[in-house]
Amino acid sequence: MFAATWHGKVRVWNVATGVVTSGFERPGRLIEAGLSHDGKTIVMLSDESVIELWDIASGKKLRAITVEGGVAERVSMSPDEKRLAVGGDGVTIWDPATGTKVASVASVSEEQSARWTGPPMVVRSSSVATMATSRSSTRQRGGRA
């Protein structure tokens, strides 16, 4: 289990013992934080629209990805850990291994969120469903998602 504060403090606990197993601090404020599916990486989104990937065991930053040209408000890692979905001014898909933008969909409403809902990895937003697999480009379907 982990906790991340608005001010950038991160702590990881062993749930069985209640003992803090690691912790670190990062500068600036956090909007959101999540855990990779393998439990080895914390994905954080700063108030400066920067996605950060941190190794839990070492407390070291693995990668920082700046979301340029827009506002990032939500981040979510795909179940296979090969993509990051970022919601804000639209939905953007990133490759966490390289920091490369893979696909994006422009904003179609005031409210955008990014969550992987599982095969075939559909990212849901308030008014668009975006298909994004690790091998294909983004396709857009209209209508409420």
C-alpha atoms as a PDB file:
ATOM      1  CA  MET A   1       0.000   0.000   0.000  1.00  0.00           C
ATOM      2  CA  PHE A   2       1.191   3.542  -0.644  1.00  0.00           C
ATOM      3  CA  ALA A   3       0.145   7.087   0.111  1.00  0.00           C
ATOM      4  CA  ALA A   4       1.165  10.246  -1.704  1.00  0.00           C
ATOM      5  CA  THR A   5       0.434  13.699  -0.330  1.00  0.00           C
ATOM      6  CA  TRP A   6      -0.417  16.877  -2.185  1.00  0.00           C
ATOM      7  CA  HIS A   7       3.039  18.176  -1.207  1.00  0.00           C
ATOM      8  CA  GLY A   8       4.917  15.259  -2.821  1.00  0.00           C
ATOM      9  CA  LYS A   9       5.668  12.956   0.114  1.00  0.00           C
ATOM     10  CA  VAL A  10       5.316   9.268  -0.722  1.00  0.00           C
ATOM     11  CA  ARG A  11       5.288   6.361   1.736  1.00  0.00           C
ATOM     12  CA  VAL A  12       4.947   2.628   1.038  1.00  0.00           C
ATOM     13  CA  TRP A  13       3.789   0.125   3.685  1.00  0.00           C
ATOM     14  CA  ASN A  14       3.833  -3.633   4.037  1.00  0.00           C
ATOM     15  CA  VAL A  15       0.131  -4.280   4.584  1.00  0.00           C
ATOM     16  CA  ALA A  16       0.725  -7.452   6.640  1.00  0.00           C
ATOM     17  CA  THR A  17       3.100  -5.825   9.130  1.00  0.00           C
ATOM     18  CA  GLY A  18       2.118  -2.155   8.932  1.00  0.00           C
ATOM     19  CA  VAL A  19       5.801  -1.232   8.565  1.00  0.00           C
ATOM     20  CA  VAL A  20       6.897   1.530   6.171  1.00  0.00           C
ATOM     21  CA  THR A  21       9.106  -0.215   3.603  1.00  0.00           C
ATOM     22  CA  SER A  22      10.134   2.823   1.584  1.00  0.00           C
ATOM     23  CA  GLY A  23       9.483   6.483   1.185  1.00  0.00           C
ATOM     24  CA  PHE A  24      10.669   9.484  -0.749  1.00  0.00           C
ATOM     25  CA  GLU A  25       9.827  13.082  -1.495  1.00  0.00           C
ATOM     26  CA  ARG A  26       9.598  14.878  -4.790  1.00  0.00           C
ATOM     27  CA  PRO A  27       9.433  18.638  -5.318  1.00  0.00           C
ATOM     28  CA  GLY A  28       6.172  20.363  -6.174  1.00  0.00           C
ATOM     29  CA  ARG A  29       2.553  19.387  -5.791  1.00  0.00           C
ATOM     30  CA  LEU A  30       0.774  16.240  -6.912  1.00  0.00           C
ATOM     31  CA  ILE A  31      -2.633  16.022  -8.543  1.00  0.00           C
ATOM     32  CA  GLU A  32      -2.876  12.239  -8.695  1.00  0.00           C
ATOM     33  CA  ALA A  33      -0.899   9.079  -7.990  1.00  0.00           C
ATOM     34  CA  GLY A  34      -1.436   5.436  -8.842  1.00  0.00           C
ATOM     35  CA  LEU A  35       0.311   2.094  -8.631  1.00  0.00           C
ATOM     36  CA  SER A  36       1.393  -0.026 -11.590  1.00  0.00           C
ATOM     37  CA  HIS A  37      -0.326  -3.385 -11.883  1.00  0.00           C
ATOM     38  CA  ASP A  38       2.858  -5.246 -10.932  1.00  0.00           C
ATOM     39  CA  GLY A  39       3.162  -3.099  -7.785  1.00  0.00           C
ATOM     40  CA  LYS A  40       6.703  -1.953  -8.602  1.00  0.00           C
ATOM     41  CA  THR A  41       6.113   1.553  -9.943  1.00  0.00           C
ATOM     42  CA  ILE A  42       4.203   4.598  -8.731  1.00  0.00           C
ATOM     43  CA  VAL A  43       2.791   6.835 -11.457  1.00  0.00           C
ATOM     44  CA  MET A  44       2.323  10.456 -10.381  1.00  0.00           C
ATOM     45  CA  LEU A  45       0.953  13.543 -12.058  1.00  0.00           C
ATOM     46  CA  SER A  46       2.187  16.947 -10.892  1.00  0.00           C
ATOM     47  CA  ASP A  47       0.323  20.238 -10.969  1.00  0.00           C
ATOM     48  CA  GLU A  48       2.780  21.265 -13.708  1.00  0.00           C
ATOM     49  CA  SER A  49       1.377  18.584 -16.083  1.00  0.00           C
ATOM     50  CA  VAL A  50       4.379  16.289 -15.656  1.00  0.00           C
ATOM     51  CA  ILE A  51       3.910  12.513 -15.425  1.00  0.00           C
ATOM     52  CA  GLU A  52       6.521  10.848 -13.220  1.00  0.00           C
ATOM     53  CA  LEU A  53       7.280   7.145 -12.869  1.00  0.00           C
ATOM     54  CA  TRP A  54       9.067   6.153  -9.635  1.00  0.00           C
ATOM     55  CA  ASP A  55      10.565   2.810  -8.635  1.00  0.00           C
ATOM     56  CA  ILE A  56       9.102   1.808  -5.261  1.00  0.00           C
ATOM     57  CA  ALA A  57      12.054  -0.320  -4.127  1.00  0.00           C
ATOM     58  CA  SER A  58      14.757   2.293  -4.732  1.00  0.00           C
ATOM     59  CA  GLY A  59      12.733   5.512  -4.457  1.00  0.00           C
ATOM     60  CA  LYS A  60      14.340   6.672  -7.718  1.00  0.00           C
ATOM     61  CA  LYS A  61      12.563   8.541 -10.496  1.00  0.00           C
ATOM     62  CA  LEU A  62      12.551   6.370 -13.616  1.00  0.00           C
ATOM     63  CA  ARG A  63      11.114   8.859 -16.097  1.00  0.00           C
ATOM     64  CA  ALA A  64       9.416  12.241 -16.343  1.00  0.00           C
ATOM     65  CA  ILE A  65       7.081  13.040 -19.237  1.00  0.00           C
ATOM     66  CA  THR A  66       5.954  16.621 -19.791  1.00  0.00           C
ATOM     67  CA  VAL A  67       2.439  16.886 -21.192  1.00  0.00           C
ATOM     68  CA  GLU A  68       2.919  19.824 -23.535  1.00  0.00           C
ATOM     69  CA  GLY A  69       0.262  22.179 -24.789  1.00  0.00           C
ATOM     70  CA  GLY A  70      -2.495  21.330 -22.397  1.00  0.00           C
ATOM     71  CA  VAL A  71      -3.735  20.603 -18.958  1.00  0.00           C
ATOM     72  CA  ALA A  72      -3.264  17.139 -17.460  1.00  0.00           C
ATOM     73  CA  GLU A  73      -5.701  16.241 -14.685  1.00  0.00           C
ATOM     74  CA  ARG A  74      -5.791  12.427 -14.544  1.00  0.00           C
ATOM     75  CA  VAL A  75      -3.373   9.615 -15.335  1.00  0.00           C
ATOM     76  CA  SER A  76      -3.861   5.861 -15.523  1.00  0.00           C
ATOM     77  CA  MET A  77      -1.576   2.978 -16.527  1.00  0.00           C
ATOM     78  CA  SER A  78      -2.884   0.237 -18.814  1.00  0.00           C
ATOM     79  CA  PRO A  79      -3.150  -3.289 -17.374  1.00  0.00           C
ATOM     80  CA  ASP A  80      -0.205  -4.453 -19.530  1.00  0.00           C
ATOM     81  CA  GLU A  81       1.803  -1.388 -18.342  1.00  0.00           C
ATOM     82  CA  LYS A  82       2.665  -0.446 -21.931  1.00  0.00           C
ATOM     83  CA  ARG A  83       0.568   2.724 -22.078  1.00  0.00           C
ATOM     84  CA  LEU A  84      -0.386   5.715 -19.918  1.00  0.00           C
ATOM     85  CA  ALA A  85      -3.709   7.471 -20.495  1.00  0.00           C
ATOM     86  CA  VAL A  86      -3.776  11.135 -19.525  1.00  0.00           C
ATOM     87  CA  GLY A  87      -7.018  13.107 -19.297  1.00  0.00           C
ATOM     88  CA  GLY A  88      -7.288  16.870 -19.260  1.00  0.00           C
ATOM     89  CA  ASP A  89      -7.552  18.936 -22.427  1.00  0.00           C
ATOM     90  CA  GLY A  90      -8.515  15.787 -24.304  1.00  0.00           C
ATOM     91  CA  VAL A  91      -7.134  12.290 -23.799  1.00  0.00           C
ATOM     92  CA  THR A  92      -3.491  11.495 -24.642  1.00  0.00           C
ATOM     93  CA  ILE A  93      -1.870   8.049 -24.722  1.00  0.00           C
ATOM     94  CA  TRP A  94       1.856   7.766 -23.864  1.00  0.00           C
ATOM     95  CA  ASP A  95       4.456   5.002 -23.978  1.00  0.00           C
ATOM     96  CA  PRO A  96       5.927   4.978 -20.445  1.00  0.00           C
ATOM     97  CA  ALA A  97       9.089   3.151 -21.555  1.00  0.00           C
ATOM     98  CA  THR A  98      10.111   5.848 -24.032  1.00  0.00           C
ATOM     99  CA  GLY A  99       8.111   8.896 -22.957  1.00  0.00           C
ATOM    100  CA  THR A 100       6.677   9.134 -26.471  1.00  0.00           C
ATOM    101  CA  LYS A 101       3.143  10.341 -27.213  1.00  0.00           C
ATOM    102  CA  VAL A 102       1.351   7.520 -29.038  1.00  0.00           C
ATOM    103  CA  ALA A 103      -2.059   9.052 -29.746  1.00  0.00           C
ATOM    104  CA  SER A 104      -4.432  11.800 -28.702  1.00  0.00           C
ATOM    105  CA  VAL A 105      -8.049  12.864 -28.979  1.00  0.00           C
ATOM    106  CA  ALA A 106      -8.982  16.545 -28.734  1.00  0.00           C
ATOM    107  CA  SER A 107     -11.240  17.720 -25.948  1.00  0.00           C
ATOM    108  CA  VAL A 108     -14.915  17.315 -26.724  1.00  0.00           C
ATOM    109  CA  SER A 109     -16.299  18.501 -23.396  1.00  0.00           C
ATOM    110  CA  GLU A 110     -15.248  20.297 -20.245  1.00  0.00           C
ATOM    111  CA  GLU A 111     -14.751  17.049 -18.362  1.00  0.00           C
ATOM    112  CA  GLN A 112     -12.116  14.520 -19.409  1.00  0.00           C
ATOM    113  CA  SER A 113     -10.904  11.523 -17.464  1.00  0.00           C
ATOM    114  CA  ALA A 114      -8.655   8.669 -18.445  1.00  0.00           C
ATOM    115  CA  ARG A 115      -9.232   5.154 -17.137  1.00  0.00           C
ATOM    116  CA  TRP A 116      -8.420   1.810 -18.718  1.00  0.00           C
ATOM    117  CA  THR A 117     -11.528  -0.347 -18.650  1.00  0.00           C
ATOM    118  CA  GLY A 118      -9.925  -3.520 -19.952  1.00  0.00           C
ATOM    119  CA  PRO A 119      -9.953  -5.518 -23.114  1.00  0.00           C
ATOM    120  CA  PRO A 120      -9.703  -4.002 -25.600  1.00  0.00           C
ATOM    121  CA  MET A 121      -8.287  -1.225 -23.403  1.00  0.00           C
ATOM    122  CA  VAL A 122     -10.942   1.425 -23.859  1.00  0.00           C
ATOM    123  CA  VAL A 123     -10.140   4.802 -22.342  1.00  0.00           C
ATOM    124  CA  ARG A 124     -13.347   6.429 -21.161  1.00  0.00           C
ATOM    125  CA  SER A 125     -14.038  10.127 -21.067  1.00  0.00           C
ATOM    126  CA  SER A 126     -17.254  12.013 -20.518  1.00  0.00           C
ATOM    127  CA  SER A 127     -18.180  12.037 -24.185  1.00  0.00           C
ATOM    128  CA  VAL A 128     -15.753   9.958 -26.216  1.00  0.00           C
ATOM    129  CA  ALA A 129     -14.461   6.390 -26.144  1.00  0.00           C
ATOM    130  CA  THR A 130     -10.912   5.981 -27.406  1.00  0.00           C
ATOM    131  CA  MET A 131      -9.549   2.647 -28.495  1.00  0.00           C
ATOM    132  CA  ALA A 132      -5.812   2.327 -27.855  1.00  0.00           C
ATOM    133  CA  THR A 133      -3.898  -0.898 -27.817  1.00  0.00           C
ATOM    134  CA  SER A 134      -0.170  -1.278 -27.495  1.00  0.00           C
ATOM    135  CA  ARG A 135       0.094  -2.137 -31.213  1.00  0.00           C
ATOM    136  CA  SER A 136      -2.413   0.182 -32.871  1.00  0.00           C
ATOM    137  CA  SER A 137      -3.186   3.844 -33.239  1.00  0.00           C
ATOM    138  CA  THR A 138      -6.133   5.595 -31.662  1.00  0.00           C
ATOM    139  CA  ARG A 139      -9.611   5.343 -33.100  1.00  0.00           C
ATOM    140  CA  GLN A 140     -12.478   7.549 -32.010  1.00  0.00           C
ATOM    141  CA  ARG A 141     -16.144   6.643 -31.626  1.00  0.00           C
ATOM    142  CA  GLY A 142     -18.746   9.338 -31.074  1.00  0.00           C
ATOM    143  CA  GLY A 143     -21.462   9.314 -28.448  1.00  0.00           C
ATOM    144  CA  ARG A 144     -21.455   9.181 -24.685  1.00  0.00           C
ATOM    145  CA  ALA A 145     -19.011   6.737 -23.153  1.00  0.00           C
END
